[in-house]
Amino acid sequence: MRICHVCNGHLVDDVRVFHRACCELARAGYEVHLLAQGKETKTYEENGVIIHPLPEPGSSWQRHARASRVAQLAADLRPDLFHVHEPDLLGPVISRAGSRPVIYDVHESYLDLLNETASMPTWIRPFVRIAWDQWERRLVRRCAGVVTVTEMIAKRYANLNKNVCVVANFPDWQSMDELSPVQRDGATCVMAGTLSPSRGLPMIFRALALLKQRGLTVRLSLAGNASEDYLLSLWSEAEGLGVRQQVEYHGILSKEEAMLFQKKADIGLVTYQPLLYCMNSLPNKLLECMSLGVPVVYSNFPNYREIAETAGAGIMVDPTVPEQIAEAIETLVRNPDLARRMGEAGKRAVRERFNWGVERGKLLRLYQEVLGPLDRKGFFRQNPVEEVTQRSNL
């Protein structure tokens, strides 16, 4: 049976989309296709997943504008099920799906995210939220199932769809264990992933400045995607605080490089700011650091506390208070035995409870509920799909 995972903005190597969902379904015996942003120009296969790369759009508006064309590319593959990972694709895909089922994968609280959209004037946001809410509700009722990342997000859809499934972004701890051993120096913090205002870097810079005043020089290693303008503003702020020389930016890393990059650190910083969409989500980076044995300094949000505080994997702080961040970092740097115990506790919690091995079954059961039991005989269509995602089409 042919499955098509449809993305517009996500990259082909996205952890949740490709490494978790697509690869797991391919291992289970489904014929899995993925449409997502990639550097290649032709269709190729990786880990049993047939990838149809899309070119990177010039802007977010251009990305939204091409949603119908991406949906048509997915429809041209003639899948038995569509798995949609972005809200702007939901309507265009449903309109082309006919009687075929559509699963909607909600990666974060999009309704809350509208409150923080910088490109949208503040006065218009309440009206956009109302329109979005009504639009999404109508479409969700037409889906065969909804997948979310947290229970908090799932509550929004529970009365709209009978098949709501929480599949958390828990890491594959076995792949983490395969990483080479590293040597840590005791005073390096790390932050990886998309670098945006929600990550709270200005608060961290101020914390570093406070520590410097106390005679403790702590390094900060950054990696991930960020706009050039935002990086320039960060460097200007760090320079003004006298901590620019303590901050290193390593650019965009591959999944394997990012894991090793984080493993080398002494402290993982997961200090998202108190924005609704951050508070209702559960970031990959929190669990990645825990799985790597890296103690974390994390925001005092309910979803974060449920994981890290329960495990004893780090120190909770108010992410808007640099003094608390500085105190937490100093505690871990000056008490290496405590840092080691917290790192080991986080790693143990991931192995025993917060891992992909627990979550994969939920995804497979949802597919079986929607499509029925997997029949190995005559399961795949006889004629392979020809390449349809030429960059010229977009």
Protein backbone atom coordinates (compact mmCIF):
# COMPACT_ATOMS: atom_id res chain seq x y z
CA MET A 1 0.00 0.00 0.00
CA ARG A 2 1.36 3.37 -1.04
CA ILE A 3 1.69 6.20 1.48
CA CYS A 4 2.61 9.78 0.64
CA HIS A 5 3.96 12.11 3.32
CA VAL A 6 3.46 15.66 2.09
CA CYS A 7 5.50 18.66 3.27
CA ASN A 8 6.05 22.13 1.92
CA GLY A 9 8.45 23.74 4.38
CA HIS A 10 10.07 20.77 6.13
CA LEU A 11 13.42 19.43 4.92
CA VAL A 12 13.82 15.90 3.58
CA ASP A 13 15.91 14.87 6.60
CA ASP A 14 13.50 16.23 9.21
CA VAL A 15 13.73 14.07 12.32
CA ARG A 16 10.01 13.62 12.93
CA VAL A 17 8.92 13.35 9.30
CA PHE A 18 11.69 11.29 7.72
CA HIS A 19 13.70 9.57 10.45
CA ARG A 20 10.70 8.75 12.63
CA ALA A 21 7.49 8.39 10.61
CA CYS A 22 8.64 7.61 7.06
CA CYS A 23 11.46 5.21 7.95
CA GLU A 24 9.30 3.40 10.51
CA LEU A 25 6.46 2.91 8.02
CA ALA A 26 8.90 1.71 5.35
CA ARG A 27 10.30 -0.87 7.80
CA ALA A 28 6.73 -2.01 8.49
CA GLY A 29 6.24 -2.80 4.80
CA TYR A 30 4.48 0.24 3.39
CA GLU A 31 5.61 1.86 0.16
CA VAL A 32 6.47 5.31 1.47
CA HIS A 33 6.91 8.47 -0.61
CA LEU A 34 8.03 11.81 0.81
CA LEU A 35 7.65 15.27 -0.70
CA ALA A 36 9.83 17.77 1.16
CA GLN A 37 12.49 20.42 0.60
CA GLY A 38 15.83 19.01 -0.53
CA LYS A 39 19.00 19.83 -2.43
CA GLU A 40 18.72 17.00 -4.95
CA THR A 41 17.04 17.61 -8.29
CA LYS A 42 15.73 14.10 -8.94
CA THR A 43 13.76 11.48 -7.04
CA TYR A 44 15.90 9.09 -5.02
CA GLU A 45 15.53 6.39 -2.37
CA GLU A 46 16.96 6.41 1.15
CA ASN A 47 16.28 3.91 3.94
CA GLY A 48 13.46 2.42 1.90
CA VAL A 49 11.73 5.80 1.47
CA ILE A 50 11.23 7.26 -2.02
CA ILE A 51 12.05 10.95 -1.74
CA HIS A 52 10.77 13.58 -4.16
CA PRO A 53 12.74 16.74 -3.32
CA LEU A 54 11.17 20.16 -3.65
CA PRO A 55 13.17 23.36 -4.22
CA GLU A 56 13.49 25.81 -1.38
CA PRO A 57 10.93 28.64 -1.76
CA GLY A 58 12.21 32.18 -1.78
CA SER A 59 9.98 33.25 1.12
CA SER A 60 7.22 32.02 3.40
CA TRP A 61 4.64 33.67 1.16
CA GLN A 62 6.02 31.85 -1.88
CA ARG A 63 5.86 28.62 0.09
CA HIS A 64 2.18 29.14 0.89
CA ALA A 65 1.48 30.12 -2.72
CA ARG A 66 2.80 26.84 -4.07
CA ALA A 67 0.77 24.63 -1.67
CA SER A 68 -1.73 23.65 -4.37
CA ARG A 69 1.05 22.60 -6.74
CA VAL A 70 2.71 20.48 -4.05
CA ALA A 71 -0.65 18.86 -3.28
CA GLN A 72 -1.08 18.04 -6.97
CA LEU A 73 2.36 16.43 -7.08
CA ALA A 74 1.30 14.25 -4.18
CA ALA A 75 -1.96 13.35 -5.90
CA ASP A 76 -0.05 12.41 -9.07
CA LEU A 77 1.67 9.67 -7.07
CA ARG A 78 -1.75 8.00 -6.63
CA PRO A 79 -1.21 7.05 -2.97
CA ASP A 80 -3.66 5.04 -0.89
CA LEU A 81 -3.20 7.49 2.00
CA PHE A 82 -1.96 11.07 2.36
CA HIS A 83 -0.07 12.11 5.51
CA VAL A 84 0.02 15.93 5.69
CA HIS A 85 2.59 17.67 7.89
CA GLU A 86 1.70 21.34 7.38
CA PRO A 87 -1.62 23.17 7.72
CA ASP A 88 -1.38 25.12 4.47
CA LEU A 89 -1.37 21.80 2.60
CA LEU A 90 -4.40 20.32 4.34
CA GLY A 91 -7.11 21.94 2.22
CA PRO A 92 -5.37 21.41 -1.15
CA VAL A 93 -4.63 17.75 -0.34
CA ILE A 94 -8.14 16.97 0.92
CA SER A 95 -9.64 18.52 -2.22
CA ARG A 96 -7.56 16.11 -4.34
CA ALA A 97 -7.81 13.02 -2.13
CA GLY A 98 -11.33 12.01 -3.13
CA SER A 99 -12.31 8.99 -1.04
CA ARG A 100 -8.73 8.27 0.01
CA PRO A 101 -7.90 8.92 3.68
CA VAL A 102 -5.86 11.90 4.89
CA ILE A 103 -3.94 12.01 8.17
CA TYR A 104 -3.11 15.44 9.59
CA ASP A 105 0.13 15.63 11.59
CA VAL A 106 0.11 18.63 13.96
CA HIS A 107 3.72 19.38 14.90
CA GLU A 108 2.91 22.37 17.11
CA SER A 109 0.05 24.54 18.26
CA TYR A 110 -0.53 26.49 15.05
CA LEU A 111 -3.42 28.48 16.49
CA ASP A 112 -1.14 29.78 19.25
CA LEU A 113 1.63 30.41 16.74
CA LEU A 114 -0.56 32.97 14.99
CA ASN A 115 -0.29 35.18 18.09
CA GLU A 116 3.46 35.43 17.59
CA THR A 117 3.65 35.94 13.82
CA ALA A 118 5.88 38.99 13.48
CA SER A 119 4.85 39.68 9.88
CA MET A 120 1.19 40.04 10.89
CA PRO A 121 -0.06 43.31 12.46
CA THR A 122 -1.15 42.82 16.07
CA TRP A 123 -4.64 44.25 15.52
CA ILE A 124 -5.54 41.69 12.86
CA ARG A 125 -4.34 38.58 14.73
CA PRO A 126 -7.60 37.92 16.69
CA PHE A 127 -9.62 37.97 13.46
CA VAL A 128 -7.13 35.66 11.73
CA ARG A 129 -7.29 33.28 14.70
CA ILE A 130 -11.09 33.07 14.46
CA ALA A 131 -10.99 32.45 10.71
CA TRP A 132 -8.18 29.90 11.09
CA ASP A 133 -10.00 28.08 13.86
CA GLN A 134 -13.19 27.71 11.81
CA TRP A 135 -11.28 26.70 8.68
CA GLU A 136 -9.16 24.09 10.45
CA ARG A 137 -12.13 22.61 12.31
CA ARG A 138 -13.97 21.96 9.06
CA LEU A 139 -10.97 20.25 7.49
CA VAL A 140 -10.04 18.19 10.55
CA ARG A 141 -13.53 16.64 10.58
CA ARG A 142 -12.82 15.33 7.07
CA CYS A 143 -9.53 13.68 8.05
CA ALA A 144 -9.22 9.96 8.76
CA GLY A 145 -6.96 10.71 11.72
CA VAL A 146 -4.97 13.39 13.53
CA VAL A 147 -1.48 12.99 15.00
CA THR A 148 -0.16 15.47 17.56
CA VAL A 149 3.05 15.79 19.56
CA THR A 150 1.56 16.47 23.03
CA GLU A 151 -1.60 15.72 25.01
CA MET A 152 -2.20 19.45 25.38
CA ILE A 153 -2.42 19.93 21.61
CA ALA A 154 -4.48 16.74 21.23
CA LYS A 155 -7.24 18.18 23.44
CA ARG A 156 -8.05 20.76 20.76
CA TYR A 157 -8.86 18.05 18.22
CA ALA A 158 -10.45 15.39 20.46
CA ASN A 159 -14.01 16.58 19.76
CA LEU A 160 -13.38 17.04 16.04
CA ASN A 161 -12.02 13.66 15.05
CA LYS A 162 -12.42 10.16 16.52
CA ASN A 163 -8.85 9.12 15.64
CA VAL A 164 -6.59 11.50 17.55
CA CYS A 165 -3.22 9.98 18.37
CA VAL A 166 -0.34 11.50 20.36
CA VAL A 167 3.03 10.47 18.90
CA ALA A 168 5.70 12.36 20.83
CA ASN A 169 9.05 13.41 19.38
CA PHE A 170 10.95 10.99 21.55
CA PRO A 171 14.47 10.05 20.38
CA ASP A 172 15.80 6.70 19.24
CA TRP A 173 18.18 6.07 22.12
CA GLN A 174 19.89 3.15 20.36
CA SER A 175 21.15 5.43 17.58
CA MET A 176 22.42 7.85 20.24
CA ASP A 177 24.42 5.09 21.90
CA GLU A 178 26.21 4.41 18.63
CA LEU A 179 27.89 7.84 18.72
CA SER A 180 31.59 7.89 19.53
CA PRO A 181 32.68 8.78 23.09
CA VAL A 182 33.61 12.43 23.58
CA GLN A 183 35.77 14.48 25.93
CA ARG A 184 34.05 17.36 27.72
CA ASP A 185 35.80 20.38 29.19
CA GLY A 186 33.29 21.26 31.89
CA ALA A 187 32.27 24.77 30.79
CA THR A 188 30.54 24.61 27.40
CA CYS A 189 26.81 25.13 26.86
CA VAL A 190 25.07 24.14 23.66
CA MET A 191 21.99 25.15 21.72
CA ALA A 192 21.14 23.42 18.43
CA GLY A 193 18.23 23.69 16.03
CA THR A 194 16.52 26.66 14.42
CA LEU A 195 17.80 29.82 16.09
CA SER A 196 14.94 32.27 16.48
CA PRO A 197 13.76 34.85 19.05
CA SER A 198 11.73 32.14 20.79
CA ARG A 199 14.96 30.40 21.87
CA GLY A 200 15.85 33.17 24.33
CA LEU A 201 19.45 33.79 23.27
CA PRO A 202 19.54 37.41 24.53
CA MET A 203 18.69 36.10 28.02
CA ILE A 204 21.51 33.57 27.73
CA PHE A 205 24.00 36.25 26.66
CA ARG A 206 23.08 38.26 29.75
CA ALA A 207 23.54 35.16 31.88
CA LEU A 208 27.01 34.66 30.39
CA ALA A 209 27.84 38.28 31.20
CA LEU A 210 26.73 37.79 34.81
CA LEU A 211 28.90 34.68 35.11
CA LYS A 212 31.84 36.56 33.63
CA GLN A 213 31.45 39.20 36.32
CA ARG A 214 31.69 36.39 38.89
CA GLY A 215 34.92 35.19 37.35
CA LEU A 216 33.43 32.20 35.49
CA THR A 217 33.92 32.13 31.72
CA VAL A 218 31.44 29.80 30.03
CA ARG A 219 31.43 29.09 26.30
CA LEU A 220 28.27 28.86 24.21
CA SER A 221 28.20 26.72 21.05
CA LEU A 222 25.35 27.33 18.60
CA ALA A 223 24.29 25.38 15.52
CA GLY A 224 21.26 25.49 13.27
CA ASN A 225 19.38 27.54 10.74
CA ALA A 226 19.08 31.29 11.29
CA SER A 227 18.52 34.34 9.12
CA GLU A 228 21.53 36.54 8.46
CA ASP A 229 19.77 39.59 9.91
CA TYR A 230 18.94 37.76 13.13
CA LEU A 231 22.52 36.51 13.52
CA LEU A 232 23.85 40.04 13.06
CA SER A 233 21.50 41.32 15.76
CA LEU A 234 22.65 38.52 18.09
CA TRP A 235 26.33 39.25 17.55
CA SER A 236 25.71 42.95 18.16
CA GLU A 237 24.00 42.19 21.47
CA ALA A 238 26.71 39.73 22.53
CA GLU A 239 29.37 42.31 21.66
CA GLY A 240 27.63 44.94 23.73
CA LEU A 241 27.57 42.60 26.73
CA GLY A 242 31.23 41.69 26.30
CA VAL A 243 30.62 37.98 25.64
CA ARG A 244 30.99 37.77 21.84
CA GLN A 245 34.30 35.89 22.13
CA GLN A 246 32.58 33.20 24.20
CA VAL A 247 30.01 32.43 21.50
CA GLU A 248 30.67 30.18 18.50
CA TYR A 249 28.29 29.54 15.62
CA HIS A 250 28.80 26.31 13.66
CA GLY A 251 26.17 26.78 10.96
CA ILE A 252 23.72 24.13 9.79
CA LEU A 253 24.71 20.57 10.66
CA SER A 254 23.48 17.18 9.48
CA LYS A 255 21.49 15.04 11.92
CA GLU A 256 24.56 12.96 12.82
CA GLU A 257 26.77 16.04 13.16
CA ALA A 258 24.18 17.77 15.36
CA MET A 259 23.97 14.79 17.71
CA LEU A 260 27.75 14.62 18.13
CA PHE A 261 27.86 18.42 18.49
CA GLN A 262 25.41 18.27 21.40
CA LYS A 263 27.08 15.25 22.99
CA LYS A 264 30.35 17.19 23.34
CA ALA A 265 28.66 19.86 25.45
CA ASP A 266 28.54 19.98 29.24
CA ILE A 267 25.12 21.65 29.46
CA GLY A 268 22.17 21.76 27.08
CA LEU A 269 20.15 24.98 27.04
CA VAL A 270 16.43 24.61 26.33
CA THR A 271 15.27 28.06 27.41
CA TYR A 272 12.35 28.73 25.10
CA GLN A 273 10.49 31.92 25.92
CA PRO A 274 6.93 31.92 27.39
CA LEU A 275 5.06 32.08 24.09
CA LEU A 276 1.89 29.99 23.82
CA TYR A 277 3.13 27.77 21.00
CA CYS A 278 6.36 27.07 22.92
CA MET A 279 4.59 26.34 26.19
CA ASN A 280 2.22 23.86 24.53
CA SER A 281 4.92 21.98 22.64
CA LEU A 282 7.73 19.60 23.58
CA PRO A 283 11.03 20.43 21.87
CA ASN A 284 13.20 17.71 20.34
CA LYS A 285 16.31 19.30 21.81
CA LEU A 286 15.27 18.65 25.40
CA LEU A 287 15.00 14.92 24.80
CA GLU A 288 18.02 14.78 22.53
CA CYS A 289 20.24 16.26 25.24
CA MET A 290 18.80 13.86 27.79
CA SER A 291 19.39 10.87 25.51
CA LEU A 292 23.01 11.97 25.07
CA GLY A 293 23.62 12.19 28.81
CA VAL A 294 23.85 16.00 28.76
CA PRO A 295 22.23 17.77 31.76
CA VAL A 296 19.77 20.48 30.75
CA VAL A 297 18.79 23.95 31.87
CA TYR A 298 15.16 24.16 30.78
CA SER A 299 12.14 26.47 30.85
CA ASN A 300 9.54 26.06 33.60
CA PHE A 301 6.72 24.95 31.28
CA PRO A 302 4.37 22.04 32.16
CA ASN A 303 5.37 19.78 29.24
CA TYR A 304 9.07 20.32 29.96
CA ARG A 305 8.65 19.71 33.68
CA GLU A 306 6.73 16.50 33.07
CA ILE A 307 9.77 15.09 31.27
CA ALA A 308 12.91 16.65 32.73
CA GLU A 309 11.82 17.27 36.32
CA THR A 310 10.38 13.78 36.63
CA ALA A 311 13.66 12.36 35.40
CA GLY A 312 15.87 14.66 37.47
CA ALA A 313 17.71 15.53 34.26
CA GLY A 314 18.58 19.16 34.92
CA ILE A 315 17.64 22.48 36.46
CA MET A 316 14.42 24.36 35.76
CA VAL A 317 14.47 28.15 35.34
CA ASP A 318 12.32 31.08 34.42
CA PRO A 319 13.64 31.66 30.87
CA THR A 320 13.03 35.40 31.10
CA VAL A 321 15.32 35.86 34.13
CA PRO A 322 19.06 35.85 33.24
CA GLU A 323 19.99 35.55 36.92
CA GLN A 324 18.23 32.18 37.18
CA ILE A 325 19.86 30.92 33.99
CA ALA A 326 23.28 32.04 35.25
CA GLU A 327 22.76 30.38 38.62
CA ALA A 328 21.73 27.09 37.00
CA ILE A 329 24.73 27.08 34.67
CA GLU A 330 27.09 27.94 37.52
CA THR A 331 25.67 25.16 39.69
CA LEU A 332 26.32 22.56 37.00
CA VAL A 333 29.77 23.88 36.08
CA ARG A 334 30.99 24.07 39.68
CA ASN A 335 29.46 20.70 40.62
CA PRO A 336 30.59 18.23 37.95
CA ASP A 337 29.37 15.22 39.96
CA LEU A 338 25.86 16.70 40.11
CA ALA A 339 25.99 17.44 36.37
CA ARG A 340 27.10 13.86 35.67
CA ARG A 341 24.30 12.38 37.82
CA MET A 342 21.69 14.55 36.12
CA GLY A 343 23.04 13.59 32.69
CA GLU A 344 22.90 9.91 33.56
CA ALA A 345 19.39 10.28 35.00
CA GLY A 346 18.17 11.88 31.78
CA LYS A 347 19.74 9.18 29.65
CA ARG A 348 18.21 6.47 31.81
CA ALA A 349 14.75 8.08 31.57
CA VAL A 350 14.95 8.13 27.78
CA ARG A 351 15.99 4.48 27.65
CA GLU A 352 13.22 3.36 29.95
CA ARG A 353 10.33 5.63 29.01
CA PHE A 354 10.78 8.60 26.69
CA ASN A 355 11.98 6.83 23.53
CA TRP A 356 10.79 6.20 19.99
CA GLY A 357 10.34 2.50 20.72
CA VAL A 358 7.33 3.45 22.83
CA GLU A 359 5.88 5.83 20.25
CA ARG A 360 6.29 3.84 17.04
CA GLY A 361 3.53 1.43 17.99
CA LYS A 362 1.03 4.28 18.27
CA LEU A 363 1.72 5.40 14.71
CA LEU A 364 1.49 1.89 13.28
CA ARG A 365 -1.77 1.20 15.12
CA LEU A 366 -3.30 4.38 13.70
CA TYR A 367 -2.37 3.29 10.18
CA GLN A 368 -3.91 -0.12 10.75
CA GLU A 369 -7.10 1.48 12.05
CA VAL A 370 -7.35 3.67 8.97
CA LEU A 371 -6.15 1.23 6.29
CA GLY A 372 -6.78 -2.15 7.88
CA PRO A 373 -4.25 -4.93 8.62
CA LEU A 374 -1.19 -4.99 6.40
CA ASP A 375 -1.45 -7.77 3.79
CA ARG A 376 1.93 -8.81 2.44
CA LYS A 377 0.50 -10.53 -0.66
CA GLY A 378 -0.13 -8.13 -3.51
CA PHE A 379 0.32 -5.27 -1.09
CA PHE A 380 2.23 -2.99 -3.43
CA ARG A 381 1.08 -1.79 -6.78
CA GLN A 382 2.80 -3.40 -9.74
CA ASN A 383 3.75 -0.29 -11.67
CA PRO A 384 6.35 1.91 -9.97
CA VAL A 385 5.65 5.61 -9.92
CA GLU A 386 7.72 7.66 -12.28
CA GLU A 387 9.44 10.76 -11.03
CA VAL A 388 6.99 13.63 -10.79
CA THR A 389 8.76 16.22 -8.65
CA GLN A 390 10.84 18.08 -11.18
CA ARG A 391 12.02 21.44 -9.92
CA SER A 392 10.75 23.06 -13.09
CA ASN A 393 7.19 22.25 -12.01
CA LEU A 394 7.49 24.56 -9.04
